[in-house]
Amino acid sequence: MLESLKKMFSGNEGDMPVNTGTKPDISRQKSAELYEKAKTYFPGGVNSPVRAFKSVYGTPLFIQKGDGCFVWDADGNQFIDFCGSWGPLILGHNPAKVREKVTEVMQNGMSFGAPTALENELAELIIKNNKHVEKIRFTSSGTEAVMSAIRLARGYTGRDKIIKFEGCYHGHSDSLLVKAGSGLVTFGETSSLGVPKSFAAETIVVPLNDTEALTQAFAQFKDEVAAVIIEGIPANNGLLIQDAAYIEFLQQICKDNGALLIFDEVITGFRLGFEGAAGHYSAKPDIVTYGKILGGGLPVGMYGASAEIMGHISPDGGVYQAGTLSGNPVAMAAGIAQLTELLRSGFYKDLNNKAAEFAESIQRFATARSYKFKVFNVGSIFWFAFTDKDKIQCAEDIDPASMEKFKIMHRELLNRGIYLGPSGYEVGFVSAAHTKIELEKAKRAILETLDIVFRNK
């Protein structure tokens, strides 16, 4: 996972070859000017690395406006958006009911550092409709939620070591910003300057979808493992859809060894269904973390578990975690409005069917032309992979060289008014705001782009 992150951010800025497509390049003049100015303020000109467009052609686009399934950049270019702020915007940009609820609540103030009834309202909405949590704690980000879940697992079990999987990303907290060393089962190696080796040494990294490796890890570190953490469906390094049998294996081996199973559902939570990947697999993780969709586009995270496990969180227990803006009323308002919409009858069926039809129609085209290209899809998440493999379930199965094709695809799609995240390792999202008209337009642009990609290669 971390090697792919390095590849994302190591490209040559503004590296634009001669346009060999059938559409002229969009204007990026104003975005380029803003980027040059931003570089005087921020490292790399951005506040999150992937935004720097290092793994695709050209300088980053500065987005000025979003509405429905569309975004507009500073140069006035309009795009059908499949990034959706990296997943939170399941209703699309600027949905009226979320905007109205947020505006109403803001009239009374934006932060108090004290409890509000809105926290109760959002918590009740979640707990009544999600059998995997009995008590929850709000945080201000997904990274913070995962960090807190790890501390809870350690405090609850009295153990220190965590097992994570190569190819899964859980935010940038020290103990999880690690990569695999050499060998089947290894201590994590720091993958960022500033992470002490002693922190990484408490994290064991094993390959995804490898039962032998996990069995060996538990044997090697018997009675030392507090928890195993996995993305509900790994979606930060491609879309690595795991078989249900593997998820069942994870649950059983954790139970047999007295370790907790943590589902990081920052992306999949409320995306595949209201119960996320846990509901998708009929799984029973011990701790679940959420973010993104939960906040309706505002910064928020959450972790939850049984009342017994959550009873170890301060002030009830000895595991300390706090946050000035946790349960912020504006974020709670956005979450209430958005999750209420998701609970409407047929919401997920309609959304997931729409996304599946979109993915399948693109795949039929690629298959008919014998293109080495697959569209992986689960719920309303999709991933374009330049491969002939029917399954990609671990990071090692992704060919780094295929990202050159994605660079061409990304540029050609921008020229046709389609916005994807600026990395071939990132997934795309279909929202409720994408109508059949926009999806058909996007599909035609994608098919035309595939012809160009494979003609040039």
Protein backbone atom coordinates (compact mmCIF):
# COMPACT_ATOMS: atom_id res chain seq x y z
CA MET A 1 0.00 0.00 0.00
CA LEU A 2 2.63 2.52 1.04
CA GLU A 3 4.78 1.80 -1.99
CA SER A 4 1.80 2.68 -4.17
CA LEU A 5 1.32 5.87 -2.15
CA LYS A 6 4.90 6.84 -2.88
CA LYS A 7 4.34 6.23 -6.59
CA MET A 8 1.26 8.47 -6.47
CA PHE A 9 3.21 11.41 -5.16
CA SER A 10 6.49 11.07 -7.06
CA GLY A 11 5.48 12.11 -10.58
CA ASN A 12 6.77 15.07 -12.50
CA GLU A 13 4.70 18.17 -11.97
CA GLY A 14 3.07 19.44 -15.17
CA ASP A 15 4.38 16.51 -17.23
CA MET A 16 2.07 16.85 -20.25
CA PRO A 17 2.96 15.03 -23.48
CA VAL A 18 1.53 16.05 -26.84
CA ASN A 19 -2.21 15.48 -26.95
CA THR A 20 -2.93 12.47 -29.19
CA GLY A 21 -6.65 12.33 -28.40
CA THR A 22 -9.58 13.67 -30.33
CA LYS A 23 -10.49 16.36 -27.79
CA PRO A 24 -8.41 19.47 -27.03
CA ASP A 25 -6.97 19.81 -23.54
CA ILE A 26 -9.11 21.80 -21.14
CA SER A 27 -7.83 25.16 -19.99
CA ARG A 28 -6.07 25.01 -16.63
CA GLN A 29 -4.70 28.54 -16.61
CA LYS A 30 -6.47 29.80 -13.48
CA SER A 31 -5.98 26.51 -11.65
CA ALA A 32 -2.29 26.61 -12.55
CA GLU A 33 -1.98 30.16 -11.24
CA LEU A 34 -3.71 29.20 -8.00
CA TYR A 35 -1.44 26.19 -7.67
CA GLU A 36 1.71 28.28 -8.07
CA LYS A 37 0.45 30.59 -5.34
CA ALA A 38 -0.56 27.65 -3.12
CA LYS A 39 2.97 26.25 -3.31
CA THR A 40 4.17 29.35 -1.47
CA TYR A 41 1.80 28.54 1.40
CA PHE A 42 1.56 24.73 1.62
CA PRO A 43 4.01 21.83 1.19
CA GLY A 44 3.58 20.75 -2.43
CA GLY A 45 0.85 23.35 -2.79
CA VAL A 46 -1.79 21.10 -1.19
CA ASN A 47 -3.21 20.06 2.17
CA SER A 48 -3.45 16.35 1.30
CA PRO A 49 -0.83 14.76 -0.97
CA VAL A 50 -2.93 13.02 -3.63
CA ARG A 51 -4.52 16.36 -4.57
CA ALA A 52 -1.21 17.42 -6.15
CA PHE A 53 -1.96 15.37 -9.32
CA LYS A 54 1.52 13.83 -9.16
CA SER A 55 0.37 10.52 -10.65
CA VAL A 56 -1.61 12.01 -13.56
CA TYR A 57 -0.94 14.62 -16.22
CA GLY A 58 -1.04 18.33 -15.59
CA THR A 59 -1.42 20.57 -12.60
CA PRO A 60 -4.25 20.11 -10.07
CA LEU A 61 -7.70 21.47 -10.76
CA PHE A 62 -8.96 23.94 -8.17
CA ILE A 63 -12.65 23.23 -7.67
CA GLN A 64 -14.92 26.24 -7.28
CA LYS A 65 -18.41 24.76 -7.06
CA GLY A 66 -20.33 21.51 -6.82
CA ASP A 67 -23.99 20.79 -7.44
CA GLY A 68 -25.66 17.41 -7.86
CA CYS A 69 -23.25 15.15 -9.74
CA PHE A 70 -21.31 18.09 -11.22
CA VAL A 71 -18.28 20.13 -10.21
CA TRP A 72 -16.83 23.26 -11.81
CA ASP A 73 -13.20 24.31 -11.60
CA ALA A 74 -11.64 27.78 -11.42
CA ASP A 75 -11.39 27.92 -15.23
CA GLY A 76 -15.12 27.28 -15.61
CA ASN A 77 -14.75 23.67 -16.80
CA GLN A 78 -17.73 21.49 -15.86
CA PHE A 79 -17.32 17.82 -14.97
CA ILE A 80 -19.48 14.86 -14.06
CA ASP A 81 -17.87 13.96 -10.75
CA PHE A 82 -17.10 10.39 -9.64
CA CYS A 83 -14.75 11.38 -6.83
CA GLY A 84 -17.46 12.83 -4.59
CA SER A 85 -14.97 14.33 -2.13
CA TRP A 86 -13.44 10.81 -1.92
CA GLY A 87 -16.72 9.17 -0.94
CA PRO A 88 -18.79 11.25 1.50
CA LEU A 89 -21.18 12.74 -1.05
CA ILE A 90 -23.50 9.78 -1.55
CA LEU A 91 -26.37 12.22 -2.22
CA GLY A 92 -24.25 14.33 -4.56
CA HIS A 93 -22.92 17.84 -4.09
CA ASN A 94 -24.83 20.40 -2.05
CA PRO A 95 -28.03 18.38 -1.50
CA ALA A 96 -30.86 20.66 -0.45
CA LYS A 97 -31.93 18.75 2.67
CA VAL A 98 -28.40 18.62 4.07
CA ARG A 99 -27.75 22.26 3.24
CA GLU A 100 -31.02 23.38 4.80
CA LYS A 101 -30.46 21.40 8.00
CA VAL A 102 -26.91 22.74 8.37
CA THR A 103 -28.06 26.32 7.72
CA GLU A 104 -30.83 25.98 10.32
CA VAL A 105 -28.47 24.68 13.00
CA MET A 106 -25.76 27.27 12.26
CA GLN A 107 -28.15 30.05 13.23
CA ASN A 108 -27.71 28.94 16.83
CA GLY A 109 -23.91 28.73 16.76
CA MET A 110 -21.25 26.49 15.30
CA SER A 111 -19.37 25.04 18.27
CA PHE A 112 -19.89 24.83 22.02
CA GLY A 113 -17.49 22.20 23.34
CA ALA A 114 -20.50 20.88 25.26
CA PRO A 115 -23.18 18.24 24.64
CA THR A 116 -26.09 19.02 22.32
CA ALA A 117 -29.31 17.18 21.56
CA LEU A 118 -28.08 16.76 17.97
CA GLU A 119 -25.50 14.23 19.15
CA ASN A 120 -28.27 12.14 20.71
CA GLU A 121 -30.38 12.40 17.57
CA LEU A 122 -27.63 11.21 15.22
CA ALA A 123 -26.52 8.47 17.62
CA GLU A 124 -30.06 7.14 17.92
CA LEU A 125 -30.43 7.15 14.14
CA ILE A 126 -27.28 5.04 13.80
CA ILE A 127 -27.72 2.63 16.70
CA LYS A 128 -31.37 1.85 15.93
CA ASN A 129 -30.47 0.87 12.39
CA ASN A 130 -27.09 -0.84 12.88
CA LYS A 131 -26.90 -4.02 14.93
CA HIS A 132 -23.09 -3.90 15.05
CA VAL A 133 -22.90 -1.05 17.57
CA GLU A 134 -24.56 -0.49 20.94
CA LYS A 135 -22.61 2.59 21.98
CA ILE A 136 -20.57 5.02 19.94
CA ARG A 137 -18.12 7.91 20.26
CA PHE A 138 -17.96 10.73 17.71
CA THR A 139 -14.61 12.10 16.56
CA SER A 140 -13.57 14.74 14.04
CA SER A 141 -12.09 12.46 11.35
CA GLY A 142 -11.84 8.88 10.19
CA THR A 143 -8.15 8.81 11.08
CA GLU A 144 -8.98 9.85 14.64
CA ALA A 145 -11.72 7.22 14.86
CA VAL A 146 -9.34 4.44 13.80
CA MET A 147 -6.58 5.67 16.11
CA SER A 148 -9.06 5.64 19.00
CA ALA A 149 -10.36 2.17 18.10
CA ILE A 150 -6.80 0.82 18.21
CA ARG A 151 -6.26 2.34 21.66
CA LEU A 152 -9.58 0.87 22.82
CA ALA A 153 -8.62 -2.60 21.56
CA ARG A 154 -5.31 -2.41 23.40
CA GLY A 155 -6.93 -1.14 26.58
CA TYR A 156 -9.69 -3.75 26.48
CA THR A 157 -7.41 -6.74 25.85
CA GLY A 158 -4.37 -5.61 27.79
CA ARG A 159 -2.23 -6.46 24.74
CA ASP A 160 -0.06 -4.23 22.59
CA LYS A 161 0.34 -5.67 19.10
CA ILE A 162 -1.91 -4.97 16.13
CA ILE A 163 -2.15 -6.95 12.90
CA LYS A 164 -2.88 -5.03 9.72
CA PHE A 165 -2.82 -6.00 6.05
CA GLU A 166 -0.57 -4.83 3.25
CA GLY A 167 -2.82 -2.93 0.86
CA CYS A 168 -5.08 -1.48 3.55
CA TYR A 169 -4.85 2.17 4.60
CA HIS A 170 -6.23 3.37 7.91
CA GLY A 171 -5.22 7.00 8.06
CA HIS A 172 -1.91 8.55 9.02
CA SER A 173 -1.62 7.69 12.71
CA ASP A 174 1.86 6.49 13.69
CA SER A 175 1.13 2.85 14.50
CA LEU A 176 -0.70 2.28 11.21
CA LEU A 177 1.49 4.26 8.81
CA VAL A 178 3.64 1.22 8.22
CA LYS A 179 4.49 -1.13 5.38
CA ALA A 180 5.45 -4.79 5.27
CA GLY A 181 9.04 -5.86 5.69
CA SER A 182 10.54 -8.86 3.93
CA GLY A 183 9.00 -12.24 4.69
CA LEU A 184 5.52 -13.61 5.11
CA VAL A 185 4.92 -12.24 8.61
CA THR A 186 6.89 -9.15 9.60
CA PHE A 187 6.92 -6.29 12.02
CA GLY A 188 5.85 -3.11 10.31
CA GLU A 189 8.52 -0.83 8.92
CA THR A 190 8.03 2.92 9.10
CA SER A 191 6.89 4.32 5.79
CA SER A 192 7.10 7.96 6.77
CA LEU A 193 9.76 10.06 8.38
CA GLY A 194 8.76 10.98 11.89
CA VAL A 195 7.29 7.58 12.82
CA PRO A 196 9.45 5.98 15.55
CA LYS A 197 10.59 2.43 14.83
CA SER A 198 9.33 1.45 18.26
CA PHE A 199 5.78 2.40 17.23
CA ALA A 200 5.97 0.42 14.02
CA ALA A 201 7.36 -2.57 15.91
CA GLU A 202 4.00 -2.99 17.63
CA THR A 203 2.31 -3.46 14.25
CA ILE A 204 2.51 -6.76 12.38
CA VAL A 205 1.87 -6.57 8.64
CA VAL A 206 0.67 -9.60 6.67
CA PRO A 207 -0.56 -10.05 3.08
CA LEU A 208 -4.26 -9.76 2.37
CA ASN A 209 -6.23 -12.87 1.47
CA ASP A 210 -3.56 -15.18 2.91
CA THR A 211 -4.89 -17.47 5.64
CA GLU A 212 -1.49 -19.09 6.19
CA ALA A 213 0.17 -15.75 6.92
CA LEU A 214 -2.44 -14.76 9.49
CA THR A 215 -2.34 -18.18 11.14
CA GLN A 216 1.45 -17.92 11.36
CA ALA A 217 1.23 -14.42 12.80
CA PHE A 218 -1.01 -15.54 15.65
CA ALA A 219 1.24 -18.53 16.32
CA GLN A 220 4.36 -16.37 16.35
CA PHE A 221 2.85 -13.68 18.59
CA LYS A 222 0.61 -15.83 20.76
CA ASP A 223 -1.33 -13.89 23.41
CA GLU A 224 0.24 -10.60 22.25
CA VAL A 225 -2.25 -9.48 19.59
CA ALA A 226 -4.89 -7.00 20.69
CA ALA A 227 -6.69 -6.72 17.35
CA VAL A 228 -6.73 -7.38 13.64
CA ILE A 229 -7.77 -4.36 11.58
CA ILE A 230 -9.00 -4.50 8.00
CA GLU A 231 -10.87 -2.11 5.74
CA GLY A 232 -14.44 -3.39 5.43
CA ILE A 233 -13.67 -3.78 1.75
CA PRO A 234 -10.17 -2.48 1.00
CA ALA A 235 -10.72 0.55 -1.23
CA ASN A 236 -7.68 2.77 -0.75
CA ASN A 237 -5.34 0.79 -2.97
CA GLY A 238 -7.62 -0.41 -5.72
CA LEU A 239 -10.83 -2.23 -4.85
CA LEU A 240 -9.66 -5.45 -3.23
CA ILE A 241 -12.94 -7.31 -2.74
CA GLN A 242 -12.47 -10.21 -0.33
CA ASP A 243 -14.43 -13.46 -0.40
CA ALA A 244 -16.98 -14.02 2.35
CA ALA A 245 -15.08 -17.14 3.43
CA TYR A 246 -12.01 -15.04 4.19
CA ILE A 247 -14.02 -12.63 6.35
CA GLU A 248 -15.46 -15.61 8.23
CA PHE A 249 -11.91 -16.88 8.74
CA LEU A 250 -10.86 -13.51 10.18
CA GLN A 251 -13.70 -13.57 12.67
CA GLN A 252 -12.95 -17.11 13.80
CA ILE A 253 -9.19 -16.74 14.17
CA CYS A 254 -9.64 -13.56 16.20
CA LYS A 255 -12.16 -15.27 18.45
CA ASP A 256 -9.91 -18.31 18.89
CA ASN A 257 -6.99 -16.11 19.92
CA GLY A 258 -8.79 -13.63 22.15
CA ALA A 259 -8.16 -10.72 19.77
CA LEU A 260 -10.68 -8.16 18.56
CA LEU A 261 -11.64 -7.70 14.91
CA ILE A 262 -11.82 -4.07 13.82
CA PHE A 263 -13.60 -3.11 10.62
CA ASP A 264 -12.38 0.21 9.26
CA GLU A 265 -15.52 1.35 7.45
CA VAL A 266 -14.52 4.95 6.88
CA ILE A 267 -15.16 4.38 3.15
CA THR A 268 -17.63 1.47 3.17
CA GLY A 269 -19.72 2.64 6.13
CA PHE A 270 -23.19 3.71 4.96
CA ARG A 271 -21.95 3.23 1.37
CA LEU A 272 -22.76 -0.43 0.60
CA GLY A 273 -25.81 -0.27 2.81
CA PHE A 274 -26.64 1.32 6.14
CA GLU A 275 -24.59 -1.36 7.92
CA GLY A 276 -21.72 -1.06 5.46
CA ALA A 277 -19.39 -3.97 4.76
CA ALA A 278 -20.34 -5.68 8.02
CA GLY A 279 -23.89 -5.92 6.73
CA HIS A 280 -22.69 -6.86 3.24
CA TYR A 281 -20.79 -9.86 4.62
CA SER A 282 -23.16 -10.57 7.54
CA ALA A 283 -20.03 -10.19 9.66
CA LYS A 284 -19.71 -9.40 13.37
CA PRO A 285 -16.70 -7.15 13.92
CA ASP A 286 -15.94 -6.25 17.52
CA ILE A 287 -15.25 -2.57 16.79
CA VAL A 288 -16.34 -0.55 13.75
CA THR A 289 -15.06 2.84 12.61
CA TYR A 290 -16.91 5.27 10.34
CA GLY A 291 -16.33 8.62 8.67
CA LYS A 292 -16.97 10.31 5.31
CA ILE A 293 -20.68 9.68 4.57
CA LEU A 294 -21.46 10.00 8.28
CA GLY A 295 -20.72 13.74 8.11
CA GLY A 296 -22.56 14.59 4.91
CA GLY A 297 -19.44 16.35 3.58
CA LEU A 298 -18.29 17.85 6.88
CA PRO A 299 -15.37 16.55 8.98
CA VAL A 300 -16.55 13.78 11.29
CA GLY A 301 -15.70 10.25 12.37
CA MET A 302 -17.06 7.66 14.77
CA TYR A 303 -16.18 4.37 16.37
CA GLY A 304 -18.55 1.98 18.04
CA ALA A 305 -18.85 -1.46 19.60
CA SER A 306 -20.84 -3.33 22.20
CA ALA A 307 -21.75 -1.50 25.37
CA GLU A 308 -19.35 -3.76 27.24
CA ILE A 309 -16.33 -2.86 25.07
CA MET A 310 -17.25 0.82 24.87
CA GLY A 311 -17.53 0.85 28.67
CA HIS A 312 -13.73 0.97 28.73
CA ILE A 313 -13.74 4.49 27.22
CA SER A 314 -13.26 7.44 29.56
CA PRO A 315 -15.07 8.68 31.60
CA ASP A 316 -16.60 5.22 32.18
CA GLY A 317 -13.28 3.41 31.83
CA GLY A 318 -9.55 3.92 31.68
CA VAL A 319 -9.04 4.37 27.91
CA TYR A 320 -8.70 8.09 27.36
CA GLN A 321 -9.90 9.83 24.20
CA ALA A 322 -11.23 13.35 23.80
CA GLY A 323 -11.81 16.06 21.23
CA THR A 324 -12.90 19.70 21.40
CA LEU A 325 -14.92 19.48 18.18
CA SER A 326 -16.21 15.92 18.66
CA GLY A 327 -19.96 15.95 18.16
CA ASN A 328 -19.78 19.39 16.56
CA PRO A 329 -23.41 20.52 16.05
CA VAL A 330 -22.97 21.51 12.41
CA ALA A 331 -21.43 18.13 11.50
CA MET A 332 -24.15 16.35 13.50
CA ALA A 333 -26.81 18.26 11.58
CA ALA A 334 -25.31 17.26 8.24
CA GLY A 335 -25.13 13.65 9.37
CA ILE A 336 -28.74 13.59 10.55
CA ALA A 337 -30.01 15.00 7.27
CA GLN A 338 -27.92 12.69 5.10
CA LEU A 339 -28.50 9.44 7.01
CA THR A 340 -32.23 10.14 7.14
CA GLU A 341 -32.25 10.16 3.35
CA LEU A 342 -30.29 6.91 3.21
CA LEU A 343 -32.91 5.17 5.32
CA ARG A 344 -35.65 5.86 2.81
CA SER A 345 -37.15 2.69 1.32
CA GLY A 346 -35.31 1.47 -1.76
CA PHE A 347 -32.45 3.98 -1.54
CA TYR A 348 -29.61 1.46 -1.61
CA LYS A 349 -31.31 -0.88 -4.04
CA ASP A 350 -31.74 1.91 -6.58
CA LEU A 351 -28.24 3.31 -6.07
CA ASN A 352 -26.43 -0.03 -6.19
CA ASN A 353 -28.38 -1.23 -9.23
CA LYS A 354 -27.54 2.00 -11.04
CA ALA A 355 -23.85 1.61 -10.26
CA ALA A 356 -23.82 -2.07 -11.25
CA GLU A 357 -25.46 -1.33 -14.60
CA PHE A 358 -22.92 1.43 -15.25
CA ALA A 359 -19.96 -0.84 -14.41
CA GLU A 360 -21.30 -3.83 -16.33
CA SER A 361 -21.97 -1.85 -19.51
CA ILE A 362 -18.38 -0.56 -19.56
CA GLN A 363 -17.07 -4.07 -18.91
CA ARG A 364 -19.12 -5.53 -21.77
CA PHE A 365 -17.54 -3.02 -24.15
CA ALA A 366 -14.01 -3.75 -22.95
CA THR A 367 -14.56 -7.51 -23.12
CA ALA A 368 -16.01 -7.32 -26.63
CA ARG A 369 -12.88 -5.49 -27.80
CA SER A 370 -10.54 -7.82 -25.90
CA TYR A 371 -9.11 -4.92 -23.94
CA LYS A 372 -6.99 -5.78 -20.91
CA PHE A 373 -9.32 -3.86 -18.65
CA LYS A 374 -11.64 -4.70 -15.77
CA VAL A 375 -14.27 -2.76 -13.87
CA PHE A 376 -14.48 -4.00 -10.30
CA ASN A 377 -17.67 -3.01 -8.53
CA VAL A 378 -19.35 -3.46 -5.17
CA GLY A 379 -22.38 -1.44 -4.13
CA SER A 380 -21.90 2.06 -5.52
CA ILE A 381 -18.08 1.83 -5.57
CA PHE A 382 -16.15 1.02 -8.74
CA TRP A 383 -12.51 0.77 -9.79
CA PHE A 384 -10.98 0.81 -13.25
CA ALA A 385 -8.04 -1.60 -13.53
CA PHE A 386 -5.91 -2.25 -16.58
CA THR A 387 -5.65 -5.99 -16.06
CA ASP A 388 -6.99 -9.28 -17.37
CA LYS A 389 -7.36 -10.78 -13.90
CA ASP A 390 -10.87 -11.65 -12.81
CA LYS A 391 -10.02 -10.93 -9.19
CA ILE A 392 -7.55 -8.60 -7.52
CA GLN A 393 -7.55 -9.26 -3.80
CA CYS A 394 -4.11 -8.15 -2.66
CA ALA A 395 -1.81 -5.23 -3.40
CA GLU A 396 0.77 -7.43 -5.10
CA ASP A 397 -1.73 -8.24 -7.86
CA ILE A 398 -1.79 -4.62 -9.07
CA ASP A 399 0.66 -3.97 -11.90
CA PRO A 400 2.33 -0.58 -11.30
CA ALA A 401 3.07 -0.29 -15.03
CA SER A 402 -0.68 -0.23 -15.72
CA MET A 403 -0.86 3.20 -14.10
CA GLU A 404 0.63 4.70 -17.27
CA LYS A 405 -2.58 3.77 -19.06
CA PHE A 406 -4.61 5.37 -16.30
CA LYS A 407 -2.68 8.62 -16.74
CA ILE A 408 -3.83 8.74 -20.36
CA MET A 409 -7.37 7.80 -19.36
CA HIS A 410 -7.54 10.50 -16.68
CA ARG A 411 -6.42 13.24 -19.05
CA GLU A 412 -8.79 12.17 -21.82
CA LEU A 413 -11.72 11.97 -19.41
CA LEU A 414 -11.05 15.45 -18.07
CA ASN A 415 -11.08 16.65 -21.68
CA ARG A 416 -14.53 15.04 -22.01
CA GLY A 417 -15.94 16.50 -18.80
CA ILE A 418 -15.49 13.47 -16.52
CA TYR A 419 -13.72 13.84 -13.16
CA LEU A 420 -12.09 10.85 -11.46
CA GLY A 421 -9.74 10.91 -8.49
CA PRO A 422 -6.20 11.71 -9.71
CA SER A 423 -4.68 8.25 -9.17
CA GLY A 424 -5.22 4.86 -10.74
CA TYR A 425 -5.16 3.32 -7.27
CA GLU A 426 -8.24 5.27 -6.21
CA VAL A 427 -11.84 4.09 -6.53
CA GLY A 428 -14.81 5.98 -7.95
CA PHE A 429 -18.25 6.55 -6.48
CA VAL A 430 -21.73 6.75 -7.99
CA SER A 431 -24.11 9.02 -6.07
CA ALA A 432 -27.88 9.35 -5.91
CA ALA A 433 -27.46 12.54 -7.96
CA HIS A 434 -26.09 10.68 -10.99
CA THR A 435 -29.05 10.20 -13.32
CA LYS A 436 -29.23 7.82 -16.27
CA ILE A 437 -28.53 10.76 -18.57
CA GLU A 438 -25.25 11.67 -16.87
CA LEU A 439 -24.21 8.05 -16.49
CA GLU A 440 -24.84 7.43 -20.18
CA LYS A 441 -22.81 10.51 -21.10
CA ALA A 442 -19.99 9.38 -18.80
CA LYS A 443 -20.10 5.87 -20.19
CA ARG A 444 -19.73 7.11 -23.77
CA ALA A 445 -16.76 9.24 -22.75
CA ILE A 446 -15.15 6.28 -21.00
CA LEU A 447 -15.63 3.99 -24.00
CA GLU A 448 -14.15 6.57 -26.34
CA THR A 449 -11.24 7.03 -23.95
CA LEU A 450 -10.58 3.30 -23.75
CA ASP A 451 -10.24 3.19 -27.53
CA ILE A 452 -7.65 5.98 -27.32
CA VAL A 453 -5.73 4.32 -24.48
CA PHE A 454 -5.44 0.98 -26.24
CA ARG A 455 -4.75 2.59 -29.62
CA ASN A 456 -1.78 4.44 -28.13
CA LYS A 457 -0.42 1.44 -26.29
